[in-house]
Amino acid sequence: MTAAISTRLNESTDSLLRFAMRADAVISGLAGVVMLIFGPKVAELSGTTAALEYTVGALFVVFALAVLAFASRPAVRTPGLVIAVGNLLFSVASVVVVVAGVWPLTTTGVVLVLGTGVYTLVMAELQYQGVRRIGRS
């Protein structure tokens, strides 16, 4: 039993992508739950509104559930690529939000938004590398 599982894992080319997708889902989901629980406090610290924090938190939770579902599919290359591109676009949008002054962010808000952008950029890179690894097999 162990030998069969080990052999299958050693031959797998999608393990990095699945790991990156699941990590993204767990971290995004946890961040979403925190935003749903502490929405007014996060809004006060960041300079946004509680409604915005609740909305973003709910979207993060929905995103996390969708990514977990995609990560459990037999073929993850296409969904992984779509999620990687989405994460890249989210990173760009984070910078645009700060530079354009969409909301009157506090210093903490700027750090949180740009930190989220950096996080999504790292996830996009991991997911892209996972997609490339599948393509090489």
N, C-alpha and C. Protein backbone atom coordinates (compact mmCIF):
# COMPACT_ATOMS: atom_id res chain seq x y z
N MET A 1 0.83 -1.19 0.00
CA MET A 1 0.00 0.00 0.00
C MET A 1 0.87 1.25 0.00
N THR A 2 1.84 1.31 0.89
CA THR A 2 2.71 2.48 0.96
C THR A 2 3.51 2.64 -0.32
N ALA A 3 4.01 1.54 -0.86
CA ALA A 3 4.81 1.61 -2.09
C ALA A 3 3.97 2.15 -3.24
N ALA A 4 2.73 1.73 -3.33
CA ALA A 4 1.87 2.20 -4.42
C ALA A 4 1.61 3.70 -4.30
N ILE A 5 1.37 4.18 -3.10
CA ILE A 5 1.12 5.61 -2.89
C ILE A 5 2.40 6.39 -3.16
N SER A 6 3.54 5.93 -2.64
CA SER A 6 4.80 6.64 -2.83
C SER A 6 5.16 6.74 -4.31
N THR A 7 4.97 5.66 -5.05
CA THR A 7 5.28 5.67 -6.47
C THR A 7 4.41 6.67 -7.20
N ARG A 8 3.14 6.68 -6.88
CA ARG A 8 2.22 7.60 -7.54
C ARG A 8 2.59 9.05 -7.22
N LEU A 9 2.97 9.34 -5.98
CA LEU A 9 3.35 10.70 -5.62
C LEU A 9 4.65 11.11 -6.29
N ASN A 10 5.59 10.20 -6.41
CA ASN A 10 6.86 10.51 -7.06
C ASN A 10 6.68 10.81 -8.54
N GLU A 11 5.70 10.21 -9.17
CA GLU A 11 5.46 10.42 -10.59
C GLU A 11 4.55 11.62 -10.85
N SER A 12 3.97 12.18 -9.83
CA SER A 12 3.05 13.29 -9.99
C SER A 12 3.79 14.55 -10.44
N THR A 13 3.21 15.23 -11.42
CA THR A 13 3.79 16.50 -11.87
C THR A 13 2.96 17.70 -11.44
N ASP A 14 1.81 17.43 -10.84
CA ASP A 14 0.94 18.54 -10.46
C ASP A 14 0.95 18.83 -8.96
N SER A 15 1.87 18.23 -8.22
CA SER A 15 1.87 18.40 -6.77
C SER A 15 2.16 19.84 -6.35
N LEU A 16 3.07 20.53 -7.02
CA LEU A 16 3.37 21.92 -6.66
C LEU A 16 2.15 22.80 -6.90
N LEU A 17 1.49 22.62 -8.03
CA LEU A 17 0.31 23.43 -8.32
C LEU A 17 -0.81 23.15 -7.32
N ARG A 18 -1.05 21.89 -7.04
CA ARG A 18 -2.09 21.56 -6.05
C ARG A 18 -1.75 22.15 -4.68
N PHE A 19 -0.48 22.04 -4.28
CA PHE A 19 -0.06 22.62 -3.00
C PHE A 19 -0.29 24.13 -3.00
N ALA A 20 0.13 24.82 -4.05
CA ALA A 20 -0.01 26.28 -4.12
C ALA A 20 -1.48 26.69 -4.12
N MET A 21 -2.30 25.94 -4.83
CA MET A 21 -3.73 26.26 -4.85
C MET A 21 -4.36 26.05 -3.47
N ARG A 22 -4.02 24.95 -2.83
CA ARG A 22 -4.59 24.68 -1.50
C ARG A 22 -4.08 25.68 -0.47
N ALA A 23 -2.81 26.03 -0.53
CA ALA A 23 -2.27 27.03 0.40
C ALA A 23 -2.96 28.37 0.19
N ASP A 24 -3.14 28.75 -1.07
CA ASP A 24 -3.83 30.00 -1.38
C ASP A 24 -5.26 29.97 -0.84
N ALA A 25 -5.93 28.85 -1.01
CA ALA A 25 -7.31 28.73 -0.53
C ALA A 25 -7.37 28.84 0.99
N VAL A 26 -6.49 28.16 1.68
CA VAL A 26 -6.53 28.18 3.15
C VAL A 26 -6.21 29.58 3.68
N ILE A 27 -5.17 30.19 3.16
CA ILE A 27 -4.77 31.52 3.65
C ILE A 27 -5.82 32.56 3.29
N SER A 28 -6.34 32.51 2.07
CA SER A 28 -7.38 33.47 1.67
C SER A 28 -8.66 33.26 2.49
N GLY A 29 -9.00 32.02 2.71
CA GLY A 29 -10.19 31.72 3.50
C GLY A 29 -10.06 32.22 4.94
N LEU A 30 -8.90 31.99 5.54
CA LEU A 30 -8.68 32.48 6.90
C LEU A 30 -8.72 34.01 6.96
N ALA A 31 -8.11 34.66 5.96
CA ALA A 31 -8.14 36.12 5.91
C ALA A 31 -9.58 36.62 5.76
N GLY A 32 -10.35 35.93 4.94
CA GLY A 32 -11.74 36.30 4.76
C GLY A 32 -12.55 36.17 6.03
N VAL A 33 -12.35 35.08 6.75
CA VAL A 33 -13.06 34.89 8.02
C VAL A 33 -12.68 35.97 9.03
N VAL A 34 -11.39 36.31 9.08
CA VAL A 34 -10.94 37.37 9.98
C VAL A 34 -11.61 38.69 9.61
N MET A 35 -11.69 38.97 8.32
CA MET A 35 -12.33 40.21 7.88
C MET A 35 -13.83 40.21 8.20
N LEU A 36 -14.46 39.07 8.11
CA LEU A 36 -15.89 38.98 8.46
C LEU A 36 -16.11 39.16 9.96
N ILE A 37 -15.21 38.65 10.75
CA ILE A 37 -15.35 38.77 12.20
C ILE A 37 -14.99 40.17 12.69
N PHE A 38 -13.90 40.70 12.16
CA PHE A 38 -13.38 41.98 12.65
C PHE A 38 -13.53 43.11 11.64
N GLY A 39 -14.55 43.05 10.79
CA GLY A 39 -14.75 44.05 9.75
C GLY A 39 -14.69 45.49 10.22
N PRO A 40 -15.46 45.87 11.23
CA PRO A 40 -15.42 47.27 11.68
C PRO A 40 -14.05 47.69 12.21
N LYS A 41 -13.38 46.82 12.91
CA LYS A 41 -12.06 47.16 13.44
C LYS A 41 -11.04 47.30 12.32
N VAL A 42 -11.08 46.37 11.34
CA VAL A 42 -10.17 46.46 10.20
C VAL A 42 -10.44 47.74 9.42
N ALA A 43 -11.72 48.09 9.26
CA ALA A 43 -12.08 49.32 8.54
C ALA A 43 -11.54 50.54 9.27
N GLU A 44 -11.65 50.56 10.57
CA GLU A 44 -11.14 51.68 11.37
C GLU A 44 -9.62 51.81 11.22
N LEU A 45 -8.94 50.69 11.24
CA LEU A 45 -7.48 50.71 11.11
C LEU A 45 -7.01 51.07 9.70
N SER A 46 -7.78 50.66 8.71
CA SER A 46 -7.33 50.82 7.33
C SER A 46 -7.85 52.06 6.61
N GLY A 47 -8.93 52.65 7.13
CA GLY A 47 -9.49 53.83 6.48
C GLY A 47 -10.59 53.51 5.49
N THR A 48 -11.05 52.28 5.46
CA THR A 48 -12.15 51.89 4.57
C THR A 48 -13.45 51.86 5.37
N THR A 49 -14.46 51.19 4.84
CA THR A 49 -15.72 51.05 5.55
C THR A 49 -15.92 49.60 5.97
N ALA A 50 -16.75 49.41 6.97
CA ALA A 50 -17.04 48.04 7.43
C ALA A 50 -17.72 47.26 6.31
N ALA A 51 -18.58 47.92 5.53
CA ALA A 51 -19.27 47.24 4.43
C ALA A 51 -18.26 46.70 3.41
N LEU A 52 -17.25 47.50 3.11
CA LEU A 52 -16.22 47.04 2.18
C LEU A 52 -15.47 45.85 2.75
N GLU A 53 -15.12 45.91 4.01
CA GLU A 53 -14.38 44.80 4.63
C GLU A 53 -15.22 43.52 4.67
N TYR A 54 -16.52 43.66 4.96
CA TYR A 54 -17.40 42.49 4.95
C TYR A 54 -17.50 41.91 3.54
N THR A 55 -17.61 42.78 2.55
CA THR A 55 -17.72 42.32 1.16
C THR A 55 -16.46 41.61 0.72
N VAL A 56 -15.31 42.21 0.98
CA VAL A 56 -14.04 41.60 0.60
C VAL A 56 -13.84 40.29 1.36
N GLY A 57 -14.18 40.28 2.63
CA GLY A 57 -14.06 39.04 3.42
C GLY A 57 -14.92 37.92 2.85
N ALA A 58 -16.14 38.25 2.49
CA ALA A 58 -17.03 37.24 1.91
C ALA A 58 -16.49 36.75 0.56
N LEU A 59 -15.97 37.67 -0.24
CA LEU A 59 -15.38 37.27 -1.53
C LEU A 59 -14.17 36.37 -1.34
N PHE A 60 -13.35 36.67 -0.33
CA PHE A 60 -12.19 35.81 -0.04
C PHE A 60 -12.63 34.41 0.34
N VAL A 61 -13.69 34.29 1.14
CA VAL A 61 -14.18 32.97 1.55
C VAL A 61 -14.72 32.21 0.34
N VAL A 62 -15.49 32.87 -0.51
CA VAL A 62 -16.02 32.23 -1.72
C VAL A 62 -14.87 31.81 -2.64
N PHE A 63 -13.89 32.70 -2.82
CA PHE A 63 -12.71 32.39 -3.63
C PHE A 63 -12.01 31.15 -3.07
N ALA A 64 -11.83 31.09 -1.76
CA ALA A 64 -11.14 29.97 -1.13
C ALA A 64 -11.88 28.65 -1.39
N LEU A 65 -13.18 28.67 -1.26
CA LEU A 65 -13.96 27.45 -1.50
C LEU A 65 -13.85 27.01 -2.96
N ALA A 66 -13.90 27.97 -3.88
CA ALA A 66 -13.78 27.65 -5.30
C ALA A 66 -12.40 27.07 -5.61
N VAL A 67 -11.35 27.67 -5.06
CA VAL A 67 -9.99 27.18 -5.33
C VAL A 67 -9.80 25.79 -4.74
N LEU A 68 -10.35 25.54 -3.56
CA LEU A 68 -10.26 24.19 -3.00
C LEU A 68 -10.96 23.18 -3.90
N ALA A 69 -12.11 23.55 -4.44
CA ALA A 69 -12.83 22.66 -5.35
C ALA A 69 -12.00 22.40 -6.61
N PHE A 70 -11.40 23.45 -7.18
CA PHE A 70 -10.58 23.28 -8.38
C PHE A 70 -9.34 22.43 -8.08
N ALA A 71 -8.76 22.60 -6.92
CA ALA A 71 -7.55 21.85 -6.56
C ALA A 71 -7.83 20.36 -6.40
N SER A 72 -9.08 19.99 -6.18
CA SER A 72 -9.41 18.58 -5.99
C SER A 72 -9.80 17.89 -7.30
N ARG A 73 -9.85 18.65 -8.39
CA ARG A 73 -10.20 18.06 -9.68
C ARG A 73 -9.05 17.21 -10.21
N PRO A 74 -9.37 16.24 -11.06
CA PRO A 74 -8.30 15.41 -11.63
C PRO A 74 -7.30 16.20 -12.47
N ALA A 75 -7.79 17.17 -13.23
CA ALA A 75 -6.90 18.00 -14.06
C ALA A 75 -6.91 19.42 -13.50
N VAL A 76 -5.75 19.91 -13.10
CA VAL A 76 -5.69 21.22 -12.45
C VAL A 76 -4.91 22.26 -13.24
N ARG A 77 -4.38 21.88 -14.40
CA ARG A 77 -3.53 22.82 -15.15
C ARG A 77 -4.27 24.08 -15.55
N THR A 78 -5.41 23.96 -16.22
CA THR A 78 -6.15 25.13 -16.69
C THR A 78 -6.69 25.96 -15.52
N PRO A 79 -7.38 25.34 -14.54
CA PRO A 79 -7.83 26.17 -13.41
C PRO A 79 -6.67 26.83 -12.68
N GLY A 80 -5.55 26.13 -12.56
CA GLY A 80 -4.38 26.71 -11.89
C GLY A 80 -3.85 27.92 -12.63
N LEU A 81 -3.83 27.84 -13.95
CA LEU A 81 -3.37 28.97 -14.75
C LEU A 81 -4.32 30.16 -14.61
N VAL A 82 -5.61 29.89 -14.63
CA VAL A 82 -6.60 30.96 -14.47
C VAL A 82 -6.46 31.62 -13.10
N ILE A 83 -6.27 30.84 -12.07
CA ILE A 83 -6.11 31.39 -10.72
C ILE A 83 -4.81 32.18 -10.62
N ALA A 84 -3.75 31.69 -11.23
CA ALA A 84 -2.47 32.41 -11.21
C ALA A 84 -2.63 33.77 -11.89
N VAL A 85 -3.29 33.81 -13.04
CA VAL A 85 -3.51 35.08 -13.74
C VAL A 85 -4.40 36.00 -12.89
N GLY A 86 -5.42 35.43 -12.27
CA GLY A 86 -6.28 36.22 -11.39
C GLY A 86 -5.51 36.81 -10.22
N ASN A 87 -4.62 36.04 -9.65
CA ASN A 87 -3.79 36.55 -8.56
C ASN A 87 -2.88 37.67 -9.04
N LEU A 88 -2.32 37.51 -10.23
CA LEU A 88 -1.48 38.57 -10.80
C LEU A 88 -2.28 39.85 -11.00
N LEU A 89 -3.48 39.72 -11.54
CA LEU A 89 -4.34 40.90 -11.74
C LEU A 89 -4.73 41.54 -10.41
N PHE A 90 -4.96 40.72 -9.39
CA PHE A 90 -5.29 41.26 -8.06
C PHE A 90 -4.11 42.05 -7.52
N SER A 91 -2.89 41.57 -7.76
CA SER A 91 -1.70 42.29 -7.31
C SER A 91 -1.61 43.66 -7.99
N VAL A 92 -1.85 43.69 -9.28
CA VAL A 92 -1.83 44.96 -10.01
C VAL A 92 -2.94 45.87 -9.49
N ALA A 93 -4.11 45.33 -9.27
CA ALA A 93 -5.23 46.13 -8.76
C ALA A 93 -4.93 46.70 -7.38
N SER A 94 -4.21 45.96 -6.56
CA SER A 94 -3.84 46.45 -5.23
C SER A 94 -2.98 47.70 -5.33
N VAL A 95 -2.02 47.68 -6.23
CA VAL A 95 -1.16 48.85 -6.43
C VAL A 95 -1.97 50.02 -6.98
N VAL A 96 -2.85 49.74 -7.94
CA VAL A 96 -3.68 50.79 -8.54
C VAL A 96 -4.57 51.44 -7.48
N VAL A 97 -5.15 50.64 -6.60
CA VAL A 97 -6.02 51.16 -5.53
C VAL A 97 -5.25 52.15 -4.66
N VAL A 98 -4.02 51.81 -4.32
CA VAL A 98 -3.22 52.68 -3.46
C VAL A 98 -2.80 53.94 -4.22
N VAL A 99 -2.28 53.77 -5.42
CA VAL A 99 -1.77 54.91 -6.20
C VAL A 99 -2.90 55.86 -6.59
N ALA A 100 -4.04 55.32 -6.98
CA ALA A 100 -5.17 56.15 -7.42
C ALA A 100 -5.93 56.77 -6.25
N GLY A 101 -5.67 56.31 -5.04
CA GLY A 101 -6.38 56.86 -3.88
C GLY A 101 -7.86 56.55 -3.90
N VAL A 102 -8.20 55.33 -4.28
CA VAL A 102 -9.60 54.92 -4.37
C VAL A 102 -10.31 55.10 -3.03
N TRP A 103 -9.64 54.75 -1.95
CA TRP A 103 -10.17 54.95 -0.61
C TRP A 103 -9.17 55.79 0.18
N PRO A 104 -9.65 56.51 1.17
CA PRO A 104 -8.72 57.31 1.99
C PRO A 104 -7.99 56.42 3.00
N LEU A 105 -7.06 55.64 2.50
CA LEU A 105 -6.37 54.66 3.34
C LEU A 105 -5.43 55.33 4.34
N THR A 106 -5.39 54.76 5.51
CA THR A 106 -4.40 55.15 6.51
C THR A 106 -3.08 54.48 6.13
N THR A 107 -2.03 54.78 6.86
CA THR A 107 -0.75 54.10 6.61
C THR A 107 -0.91 52.60 6.78
N THR A 108 -1.65 52.21 7.80
CA THR A 108 -1.91 50.78 8.02
C THR A 108 -2.69 50.20 6.85
N GLY A 109 -3.64 50.95 6.34
CA GLY A 109 -4.42 50.49 5.19
C GLY A 109 -3.56 50.29 3.96
N VAL A 110 -2.64 51.23 3.72
CA VAL A 110 -1.72 51.10 2.58
C VAL A 110 -0.88 49.84 2.74
N VAL A 111 -0.36 49.63 3.94
CA VAL A 111 0.46 48.44 4.19
C VAL A 111 -0.35 47.16 3.99
N LEU A 112 -1.59 47.15 4.47
CA LEU A 112 -2.44 45.96 4.31
C LEU A 112 -2.75 45.69 2.84
N VAL A 113 -3.11 46.73 2.10
CA VAL A 113 -3.46 46.54 0.69
C VAL A 113 -2.24 46.10 -0.11
N LEU A 114 -1.11 46.78 0.08
CA LEU A 114 0.09 46.39 -0.66
C LEU A 114 0.61 45.03 -0.20
N GLY A 115 0.46 44.73 1.09
CA GLY A 115 0.84 43.40 1.58
C GLY A 115 0.01 42.30 0.94
N THR A 116 -1.27 42.57 0.75
CA THR A 116 -2.14 41.62 0.07
C THR A 116 -1.69 41.45 -1.38
N GLY A 117 -1.28 42.56 -2.00
CA GLY A 117 -0.78 42.49 -3.36
C GLY A 117 0.49 41.65 -3.47
N VAL A 118 1.37 41.80 -2.51
CA VAL A 118 2.61 41.00 -2.51
C VAL A 118 2.26 39.52 -2.30
N TYR A 119 1.35 39.25 -1.37
CA TYR A 119 0.93 37.86 -1.13
C TYR A 119 0.37 37.24 -2.41
N THR A 120 -0.52 37.95 -3.10
CA THR A 120 -1.12 37.37 -4.30
C THR A 120 -0.09 37.21 -5.42
N LEU A 121 0.91 38.09 -5.45
CA LEU A 121 1.97 37.95 -6.44
C LEU A 121 2.81 36.69 -6.17
N VAL A 122 3.09 36.43 -4.90
CA VAL A 122 3.83 35.21 -4.53
C VAL A 122 3.02 33.97 -4.90
N MET A 123 1.72 34.00 -4.60
CA MET A 123 0.86 32.86 -4.94
C MET A 123 0.78 32.67 -6.46
N ALA A 124 0.68 33.77 -7.19
CA ALA A 124 0.65 33.69 -8.66
C ALA A 124 1.91 33.02 -9.18
N GLU A 125 3.06 33.40 -8.64
CA GLU A 125 4.33 32.81 -9.08
C GLU A 125 4.39 31.32 -8.76
N LEU A 126 4.00 30.94 -7.54
CA LEU A 126 4.00 29.52 -7.18
C LEU A 126 3.07 28.72 -8.09
N GLN A 127 1.89 29.27 -8.33
CA GLN A 127 0.92 28.57 -9.17
C GLN A 127 1.42 28.49 -10.61
N TYR A 128 2.03 29.55 -11.10
CA TYR A 128 2.57 29.53 -12.46
C TYR A 128 3.69 28.50 -12.59
N GLN A 129 4.56 28.44 -11.59
CA GLN A 129 5.62 27.44 -11.62
C GLN A 129 5.03 26.03 -11.59
N GLY A 130 3.95 25.85 -10.84
CA GLY A 130 3.26 24.56 -10.82
C GLY A 130 2.67 24.20 -12.18
N VAL A 131 2.11 25.19 -12.86
CA VAL A 131 1.57 24.98 -14.21
C VAL A 131 2.71 24.61 -15.16
N ARG A 132 3.82 25.31 -15.08
CA ARG A 132 4.98 25.02 -15.96
C ARG A 132 5.51 23.61 -15.71
N ARG A 133 5.51 23.19 -14.46
CA ARG A 133 6.00 21.84 -14.15
C ARG A 133 5.11 20.79 -14.81
N ILE A 134 3.82 21.02 -14.83
CA ILE A 134 2.90 20.08 -15.50
C ILE A 134 3.18 20.06 -16.99
N GLY A 135 3.43 21.25 -17.55
CA GLY A 135 3.67 21.35 -18.99
C GLY A 135 4.92 20.63 -19.45
N ARG A 136 5.88 20.44 -18.57
CA ARG A 136 7.15 19.78 -18.93
C ARG A 136 7.04 18.27 -18.97
N SER A 137 5.98 17.75 -18.38
CA SER A 137 5.89 16.28 -18.31
C SER A 137 5.43 15.65 -19.60
